[in-house]
Amino acid sequence: MPNRIRLTRMGSKKRPFYRIVVANSESPRDGRFIEILGTYDPRKEPFEVNVKQDRLSDWLQKGASPSQTVAGLLKRQGLV
């Protein structure tokens, strides 16, 4: 059961806010997760990404793979 680093949606209707989490690849999008690594707020201009870099690198070393969206966000922030 590989782990994925992905987004889970928070916030209310029409006001999205996301957490960057580590979850089992088979669990649902907003379901069970292992650890919260950071947040992503697309409503701010420019968008805001906060990540615990030490925990992110630890999970990447353990073999967790980021989703395409998270990989793009991390690349734009210069973290991966």
PDB file of N, CA and C in Angstrom:
ATOM      1  N   MET A   1       0.838  -1.186   0.000  1.00  0.00           N
ATOM      2  CA  MET A   1       0.000   0.000   0.000  1.00  0.00           C
ATOM      3  C   MET A   1       0.886   1.253   0.000  1.00  0.00           C
ATOM      4  N   PRO A   2       1.173   1.800  -1.161  1.00  0.00           N
ATOM      5  CA  PRO A   2       2.038   2.971  -1.232  1.00  0.00           C
ATOM      6  C   PRO A   2       1.350   4.220  -0.688  1.00  0.00           C
ATOM      7  N   ASN A   3       2.155   5.100  -0.140  1.00  0.00           N
ATOM      8  CA  ASN A   3       1.640   6.358   0.389  1.00  0.00           C
ATOM      9  C   ASN A   3       1.777   7.443  -0.659  1.00  0.00           C
ATOM     10  N   ARG A   4       0.817   8.374  -0.643  1.00  0.00           N
ATOM     11  CA  ARG A   4       0.818   9.505  -1.565  1.00  0.00           C
ATOM     12  C   ARG A   4       0.788  10.793  -0.769  1.00  0.00           C
ATOM     13  N   ILE A   5       1.448  11.809  -1.291  1.00  0.00           N
ATOM     14  CA  ILE A   5       1.354  13.158  -0.743  1.00  0.00           C
ATOM     15  C   ILE A   5       0.360  13.876  -1.641  1.00  0.00           C
ATOM     16  N   ARG A   6      -0.771  14.279  -1.070  1.00  0.00           N
ATOM     17  CA  ARG A   6      -1.833  14.854  -1.892  1.00  0.00           C
ATOM     18  C   ARG A   6      -2.628  15.893  -1.122  1.00  0.00           C
ATOM     19  N   LEU A   7      -3.594  16.486  -1.800  1.00  0.00           N
ATOM     20  CA  LEU A   7      -4.432  17.520  -1.194  1.00  0.00           C
ATOM     21  C   LEU A   7      -5.721  16.920  -0.656  1.00  0.00           C
ATOM     22  N   THR A   8      -6.192  17.472   0.440  1.00  0.00           N
ATOM     23  CA  THR A   8      -7.523  17.158   0.937  1.00  0.00           C
ATOM     24  C   THR A   8      -8.252  18.480   1.116  1.00  0.00           C
ATOM     25  N   ARG A   9      -9.478  18.538   0.654  1.00  0.00           N
ATOM     26  CA  ARG A   9     -10.209  19.794   0.633  1.00  0.00           C
ATOM     27  C   ARG A   9     -10.816  20.116   1.990  1.00  0.00           C
ATOM     28  N   MET A  10     -10.653  21.355   2.387  1.00  0.00           N
ATOM     29  CA  MET A  10     -11.261  21.890   3.596  1.00  0.00           C
ATOM     30  C   MET A  10     -12.025  23.141   3.169  1.00  0.00           C
ATOM     31  N   GLY A  11     -12.570  23.850   4.110  1.00  0.00           N
ATOM     32  CA  GLY A  11     -13.265  25.087   3.790  1.00  0.00           C
ATOM     33  C   GLY A  11     -14.711  24.833   3.433  1.00  0.00           C
ATOM     34  N   SER A  12     -15.438  25.898   3.238  1.00  0.00           N
ATOM     35  CA  SER A  12     -16.863  25.788   2.952  1.00  0.00           C
ATOM     36  C   SER A  12     -17.125  25.892   1.454  1.00  0.00           C
ATOM     37  N   LYS A  13     -18.378  25.846   1.111  1.00  0.00           N
ATOM     38  CA  LYS A  13     -18.796  25.904  -0.279  1.00  0.00           C
ATOM     39  C   LYS A  13     -18.319  27.210  -0.919  1.00  0.00           C
ATOM     40  N   LYS A  14     -17.722  27.114  -2.087  1.00  0.00           N
ATOM     41  CA  LYS A  14     -17.196  28.248  -2.860  1.00  0.00           C
ATOM     42  C   LYS A  14     -16.007  28.940  -2.188  1.00  0.00           C
ATOM     43  N   ARG A  15     -15.457  28.363  -1.117  1.00  0.00           N
ATOM     44  CA  ARG A  15     -14.304  28.931  -0.425  1.00  0.00           C
ATOM     45  C   ARG A  15     -13.289  27.829  -0.138  1.00  0.00           C
ATOM     46  N   PRO A  16     -12.636  27.312  -1.174  1.00  0.00           N
ATOM     47  CA  PRO A  16     -11.752  26.162  -0.981  1.00  0.00           C
ATOM     48  C   PRO A  16     -10.481  26.519  -0.202  1.00  0.00           C
ATOM     49  N   PHE A  17     -10.046  25.543   0.564  1.00  0.00           N
ATOM     50  CA  PHE A  17      -8.796  25.595   1.309  1.00  0.00           C
ATOM     51  C   PHE A  17      -8.313  24.159   1.389  1.00  0.00           C
ATOM     52  N   TYR A  18      -7.052  23.923   1.187  1.00  0.00           N
ATOM     53  CA  TYR A  18      -6.560  22.550   1.115  1.00  0.00           C
ATOM     54  C   TYR A  18      -5.462  22.295   2.132  1.00  0.00           C
ATOM     55  N   ARG A  19      -5.416  21.074   2.624  1.00  0.00           N
ATOM     56  CA  ARG A  19      -4.300  20.598   3.423  1.00  0.00           C
ATOM     57  C   ARG A  19      -3.453  19.682   2.544  1.00  0.00           C
ATOM     58  N   ILE A  20      -2.145  19.754   2.717  1.00  0.00           N
ATOM     59  CA  ILE A  20      -1.243  18.821   2.052  1.00  0.00           C
ATOM     60  C   ILE A  20      -0.993  17.702   3.056  1.00  0.00           C
ATOM     61  N   VAL A  21      -1.408  16.488   2.697  1.00  0.00           N
ATOM     62  CA  VAL A  21      -1.351  15.369   3.636  1.00  0.00           C
ATOM     63  C   VAL A  21      -0.653  14.164   3.017  1.00  0.00           C
ATOM     64  N   VAL A  22      -0.222  13.269   3.877  1.00  0.00           N
ATOM     65  CA  VAL A  22       0.274  11.966   3.459  1.00  0.00           C
ATOM     66  C   VAL A  22      -0.846  10.987   3.746  1.00  0.00           C
ATOM     67  N   ALA A  23      -1.263  10.235   2.719  1.00  0.00           N
ATOM     68  CA  ALA A  23      -2.363   9.290   2.873  1.00  0.00           C
ATOM     69  C   ALA A  23      -2.066   8.026   2.086  1.00  0.00           C
ATOM     70  N   ASN A  24      -2.725   6.963   2.472  1.00  0.00           N
ATOM     71  CA  ASN A  24      -2.655   5.725   1.712  1.00  0.00           C
ATOM     72  C   ASN A  24      -3.284   6.000   0.351  1.00  0.00           C
ATOM     73  N   SER A  25      -2.724   5.459  -0.698  1.00  0.00           N
ATOM     74  CA  SER A  25      -3.215   5.748  -2.049  1.00  0.00           C
ATOM     75  C   SER A  25      -4.631   5.229  -2.280  1.00  0.00           C
ATOM     76  N   GLU A  26      -5.083   4.287  -1.465  1.00  0.00           N
ATOM     77  CA  GLU A  26      -6.416   3.720  -1.647  1.00  0.00           C
ATOM     78  C   GLU A  26      -7.499   4.442  -0.848  1.00  0.00           C
ATOM     79  N   SER A  27      -7.131   5.345   0.054  1.00  0.00           N
ATOM     80  CA  SER A  27      -8.138   6.039   0.849  1.00  0.00           C
ATOM     81  C   SER A  27      -8.760   7.179   0.034  1.00  0.00           C
ATOM     82  N   PRO A  28     -10.002   7.569   0.344  1.00  0.00           N
ATOM     83  CA  PRO A  28     -10.670   8.628  -0.425  1.00  0.00           C
ATOM     84  C   PRO A  28     -10.010   9.995  -0.235  1.00  0.00           C
ATOM     85  N   ARG A  29     -10.338  10.920  -1.120  1.00  0.00           N
ATOM     86  CA  ARG A  29      -9.705  12.240  -1.124  1.00  0.00           C
ATOM     87  C   ARG A  29      -9.797  12.935   0.231  1.00  0.00           C
ATOM     88  N   ASP A  30     -10.972  12.981   0.802  1.00  0.00           N
ATOM     89  CA  ASP A  30     -11.156  13.673   2.076  1.00  0.00           C
ATOM     90  C   ASP A  30     -11.248  12.694   3.238  1.00  0.00           C
ATOM     91  N   GLY A  31     -10.743  11.497   3.039  1.00  0.00           N
ATOM     92  CA  GLY A  31     -10.830  10.463   4.059  1.00  0.00           C
ATOM     93  C   GLY A  31      -9.634  10.452   4.986  1.00  0.00           C
ATOM     94  N   ARG A  32      -9.318   9.259   5.410  1.00  0.00           N
ATOM     95  CA  ARG A  32      -8.270   9.042   6.391  1.00  0.00           C
ATOM     96  C   ARG A  32      -6.898   9.419   5.832  1.00  0.00           C
ATOM     97  N   PHE A  33      -6.072  10.063   6.691  1.00  0.00           N
ATOM     98  CA  PHE A  33      -4.714  10.404   6.296  1.00  0.00           C
ATOM     99  C   PHE A  33      -3.768  10.077   7.434  1.00  0.00           C
ATOM    100  N   ILE A  34      -2.477  10.084   7.138  1.00  0.00           N
ATOM    101  CA  ILE A  34      -1.458   9.715   8.114  1.00  0.00           C
ATOM    102  C   ILE A  34      -0.917  10.943   8.841  1.00  0.00           C
ATOM    103  N   GLU A  35      -0.575  11.990   8.072  1.00  0.00           N
ATOM    104  CA  GLU A  35       0.038  13.176   8.671  1.00  0.00           C
ATOM    105  C   GLU A  35      -0.254  14.401   7.809  1.00  0.00           C
ATOM    106  N   ILE A  36      -0.412  15.545   8.465  1.00  0.00           N
ATOM    107  CA  ILE A  36      -0.580  16.821   7.768  1.00  0.00           C
ATOM    108  C   ILE A  36       0.805  17.428   7.564  1.00  0.00           C
ATOM    109  N   LEU A  37       1.136  17.734   6.312  1.00  0.00           N
ATOM    110  CA  LEU A  37       2.440  18.321   6.005  1.00  0.00           C
ATOM    111  C   LEU A  37       2.378  19.822   5.795  1.00  0.00           C
ATOM    112  N   GLY A  38       1.220  20.364   5.459  1.00  0.00           N
ATOM    113  CA  GLY A  38       1.141  21.792   5.213  1.00  0.00           C
ATOM    114  C   GLY A  38      -0.228  22.185   4.705  1.00  0.00           C
ATOM    115  N   THR A  39      -0.298  23.409   4.147  1.00  0.00           N
ATOM    116  CA  THR A  39      -1.556  23.945   3.640  1.00  0.00           C
ATOM    117  C   THR A  39      -1.345  24.604   2.282  1.00  0.00           C
ATOM    118  N   TYR A  40      -2.444  24.752   1.556  1.00  0.00           N
ATOM    119  CA  TYR A  40      -2.453  25.436   0.255  1.00  0.00           C
ATOM    120  C   TYR A  40      -3.720  26.273   0.201  1.00  0.00           C
ATOM    121  N   ASP A  41      -3.564  27.585   0.004  1.00  0.00           N
ATOM    122  CA  ASP A  41      -4.708  28.492  -0.081  1.00  0.00           C
ATOM    123  C   ASP A  41      -4.730  29.135  -1.466  1.00  0.00           C
ATOM    124  N   PRO A  42      -5.606  28.642  -2.369  1.00  0.00           N
ATOM    125  CA  PRO A  42      -5.638  29.184  -3.725  1.00  0.00           C
ATOM    126  C   PRO A  42      -6.340  30.533  -3.832  1.00  0.00           C
ATOM    127  N   ARG A  43      -7.018  30.958  -2.788  1.00  0.00           N
ATOM    128  CA  ARG A  43      -7.797  32.202  -2.854  1.00  0.00           C
ATOM    129  C   ARG A  43      -6.944  33.446  -2.639  1.00  0.00           C
ATOM    130  N   LYS A  44      -5.777  33.307  -2.055  1.00  0.00           N
ATOM    131  CA  LYS A  44      -4.907  34.463  -1.854  1.00  0.00           C
ATOM    132  C   LYS A  44      -4.200  34.793  -3.160  1.00  0.00           C
ATOM    133  N   GLU A  45      -3.809  36.043  -3.312  1.00  0.00           N
ATOM    134  CA  GLU A  45      -3.129  36.475  -4.528  1.00  0.00           C
ATOM    135  C   GLU A  45      -1.750  36.991  -4.177  1.00  0.00           C
ATOM    136  N   PRO A  46      -0.671  36.354  -4.507  1.00  0.00           N
ATOM    137  CA  PRO A  46      -0.570  35.048  -5.149  1.00  0.00           C
ATOM    138  C   PRO A  46      -0.909  33.940  -4.159  1.00  0.00           C
ATOM    139  N   PHE A  47      -1.160  32.750  -4.679  1.00  0.00           N
ATOM    140  CA  PHE A  47      -1.575  31.646  -3.812  1.00  0.00           C
ATOM    141  C   PHE A  47      -0.516  31.376  -2.751  1.00  0.00           C
ATOM    142  N   GLU A  48      -0.948  30.800  -1.640  1.00  0.00           N
ATOM    143  CA  GLU A  48      -0.056  30.591  -0.503  1.00  0.00           C
ATOM    144  C   GLU A  48       0.121  29.102  -0.227  1.00  0.00           C
ATOM    145  N   VAL A  49       1.376  28.665  -0.135  1.00  0.00           N
ATOM    146  CA  VAL A  49       1.695  27.276   0.183  1.00  0.00           C
ATOM    147  C   VAL A  49       2.624  27.277   1.390  1.00  0.00           C
ATOM    148  N   ASN A  50       2.234  26.576   2.450  1.00  0.00           N
ATOM    149  CA  ASN A  50       3.073  26.408   3.641  1.00  0.00           C
ATOM    150  C   ASN A  50       3.316  24.921   3.830  1.00  0.00           C
ATOM    151  N   VAL A  51       4.596  24.537   3.953  1.00  0.00           N
ATOM    152  CA  VAL A  51       4.942  23.128   4.073  1.00  0.00           C
ATOM    153  C   VAL A  51       6.003  22.961   5.148  1.00  0.00           C
ATOM    154  N   LYS A  52       5.877  21.895   5.937  1.00  0.00           N
ATOM    155  CA  LYS A  52       6.926  21.519   6.877  1.00  0.00           C
ATOM    156  C   LYS A  52       7.994  20.776   6.065  1.00  0.00           C
ATOM    157  N   GLN A  53       9.064  21.472   5.726  1.00  0.00           N
ATOM    158  CA  GLN A  53      10.054  20.931   4.799  1.00  0.00           C
ATOM    159  C   GLN A  53      10.769  19.699   5.340  1.00  0.00           C
ATOM    160  N   ASP A  54      11.030  19.657   6.641  1.00  0.00           N
ATOM    161  CA  ASP A  54      11.715  18.497   7.203  1.00  0.00           C
ATOM    162  C   ASP A  54      10.850  17.247   7.126  1.00  0.00           C
ATOM    163  N   ARG A  55       9.549  17.383   7.384  1.00  0.00           N
ATOM    164  CA  ARG A  55       8.637  16.241   7.310  1.00  0.00           C
ATOM    165  C   ARG A  55       8.421  15.823   5.853  1.00  0.00           C
ATOM    166  N   LEU A  56       8.372  16.800   4.944  1.00  0.00           N
ATOM    167  CA  LEU A  56       8.214  16.494   3.524  1.00  0.00           C
ATOM    168  C   LEU A  56       9.401  15.665   3.022  1.00  0.00           C
ATOM    169  N   SER A  57      10.610  16.095   3.336  1.00  0.00           N
ATOM    170  CA  SER A  57      11.783  15.351   2.876  1.00  0.00           C
ATOM    171  C   SER A  57      11.837  13.966   3.511  1.00  0.00           C
ATOM    172  N   ASP A  58      11.398  13.857   4.764  1.00  0.00           N
ATOM    173  CA  ASP A  58      11.365  12.554   5.434  1.00  0.00           C
ATOM    174  C   ASP A  58      10.423  11.595   4.710  1.00  0.00           C
ATOM    175  N   TRP A  59       9.230  12.067   4.343  1.00  0.00           N
ATOM    176  CA  TRP A  59       8.268  11.202   3.650  1.00  0.00           C
ATOM    177  C   TRP A  59       8.725  10.864   2.236  1.00  0.00           C
ATOM    178  N   LEU A  60       9.385  11.800   1.568  1.00  0.00           N
ATOM    179  CA  LEU A  60       9.901  11.506   0.234  1.00  0.00           C
ATOM    180  C   LEU A  60      10.997  10.439   0.297  1.00  0.00           C
ATOM    181  N   GLN A  61      11.819  10.480   1.343  1.00  0.00           N
ATOM    182  CA  GLN A  61      12.849   9.460   1.518  1.00  0.00           C
ATOM    183  C   GLN A  61      12.237   8.099   1.830  1.00  0.00           C
ATOM    184  N   LYS A  62      11.087   8.098   2.505  1.00  0.00           N
ATOM    185  CA  LYS A  62      10.407   6.841   2.831  1.00  0.00           C
ATOM    186  C   LYS A  62       9.684   6.247   1.625  1.00  0.00           C
ATOM    187  N   GLY A  63       9.611   6.992   0.528  1.00  0.00           N
ATOM    188  CA  GLY A  63       9.022   6.451  -0.688  1.00  0.00           C
ATOM    189  C   GLY A  63       7.641   6.983  -1.033  1.00  0.00           C
ATOM    190  N   ALA A  64       7.133   7.967  -0.301  1.00  0.00           N
ATOM    191  CA  ALA A  64       5.836   8.554  -0.637  1.00  0.00           C
ATOM    192  C   ALA A  64       5.989   9.388  -1.908  1.00  0.00           C
ATOM    193  N   SER A  65       5.052   9.253  -2.821  1.00  0.00           N
ATOM    194  CA  SER A  65       5.139  10.005  -4.069  1.00  0.00           C
ATOM    195  C   SER A  65       4.068  11.087  -4.100  1.00  0.00           C
ATOM    196  N   PRO A  66       4.411  12.302  -4.506  1.00  0.00           N
ATOM    197  CA  PRO A  66       3.417  13.379  -4.565  1.00  0.00           C
ATOM    198  C   PRO A  66       2.489  13.220  -5.768  1.00  0.00           C
ATOM    199  N   SER A  67       1.260  13.675  -5.616  1.00  0.00           N
ATOM    200  CA  SER A  67       0.331  13.692  -6.739  1.00  0.00           C
ATOM    201  C   SER A  67       0.814  14.747  -7.737  1.00  0.00           C
ATOM    202  N   GLN A  68       0.229  14.772  -8.917  1.00  0.00           N
ATOM    203  CA  GLN A  68       0.646  15.741  -9.937  1.00  0.00           C
ATOM    204  C   GLN A  68       0.426  17.170  -9.459  1.00  0.00           C
ATOM    205  N   THR A  69      -0.686  17.422  -8.801  1.00  0.00           N
ATOM    206  CA  THR A  69      -0.992  18.766  -8.323  1.00  0.00           C
ATOM    207  C   THR A  69      -0.008  19.203  -7.258  1.00  0.00           C
ATOM    208  N   VAL A  70       0.258  18.346  -6.295  1.00  0.00           N
ATOM    209  CA  VAL A  70       1.195  18.683  -5.221  1.00  0.00           C
ATOM    210  C   VAL A  70       2.605  18.841  -5.780  1.00  0.00           C
ATOM    211  N   ALA A  71       2.995  17.990  -6.708  1.00  0.00           N
ATOM    212  CA  ALA A  71       4.317  18.103  -7.319  1.00  0.00           C
ATOM    213  C   ALA A  71       4.463  19.449  -8.023  1.00  0.00           C
ATOM    214  N   GLY A  72       3.432  19.886  -8.707  1.00  0.00           N
ATOM    215  CA  GLY A  72       3.464  21.192  -9.372  1.00  0.00           C
ATOM    216  C   GLY A  72       3.569  22.340  -8.388  1.00  0.00           C
ATOM    217  N   LEU A  73       2.817  22.255  -7.286  1.00  0.00           N
ATOM    218  CA  LEU A  73       2.884  23.310  -6.260  1.00  0.00           C
ATOM    219  C   LEU A  73       4.267  23.364  -5.617  1.00  0.00           C
ATOM    220  N   LEU A  74       4.813  22.208  -5.293  1.00  0.00           N
ATOM    221  CA  LEU A  74       6.124  22.161  -4.662  1.00  0.00           C
ATOM    222  C   LEU A  74       7.213  22.646  -5.617  1.00  0.00           C
ATOM    223  N   LYS A  75       7.067  22.325  -6.888  1.00  0.00           N
ATOM    224  CA  LYS A  75       8.048  22.765  -7.879  1.00  0.00           C
ATOM    225  C   LYS A  75       8.021  24.286  -8.029  1.00  0.00           C
ATOM    226  N   ARG A  76       6.825  24.866  -8.031  1.00  0.00           N
ATOM    227  CA  ARG A  76       6.710  26.331  -8.150  1.00  0.00           C
ATOM    228  C   ARG A  76       7.270  27.030  -6.925  1.00  0.00           C
ATOM    229  N   GLN A  77       7.230  26.358  -5.775  1.00  0.00           N
ATOM    230  CA  GLN A  77       7.788  26.931  -4.545  1.00  0.00           C
ATOM    231  C   GLN A  77       9.280  26.654  -4.418  1.00  0.00           C
ATOM    232  N   GLY A  78       9.814  25.781  -5.264  1.00  0.00           N
ATOM    233  CA  GLY A  78      11.224  25.453  -5.234  1.00  0.00           C
ATOM    234  C   GLY A  78      11.593  24.443  -4.159  1.00  0.00           C
ATOM    235  N   LEU A  79      10.628  23.645  -3.727  1.00  0.00           N
ATOM    236  CA  LEU A  79      10.871  22.666  -2.662  1.00  0.00           C
ATOM    237  C   LEU A  79      11.261  21.298  -3.191  1.00  0.00           C
ATOM    238  N   VAL A  80      10.943  20.988  -4.445  1.00  0.00           N
ATOM    239  CA  VAL A  80      11.298  19.679  -5.027  1.00  0.00           C
ATOM    240  C   VAL A  80      12.057  19.909  -6.304  1.00  0.00           C
TER     241      VAL A  80
END
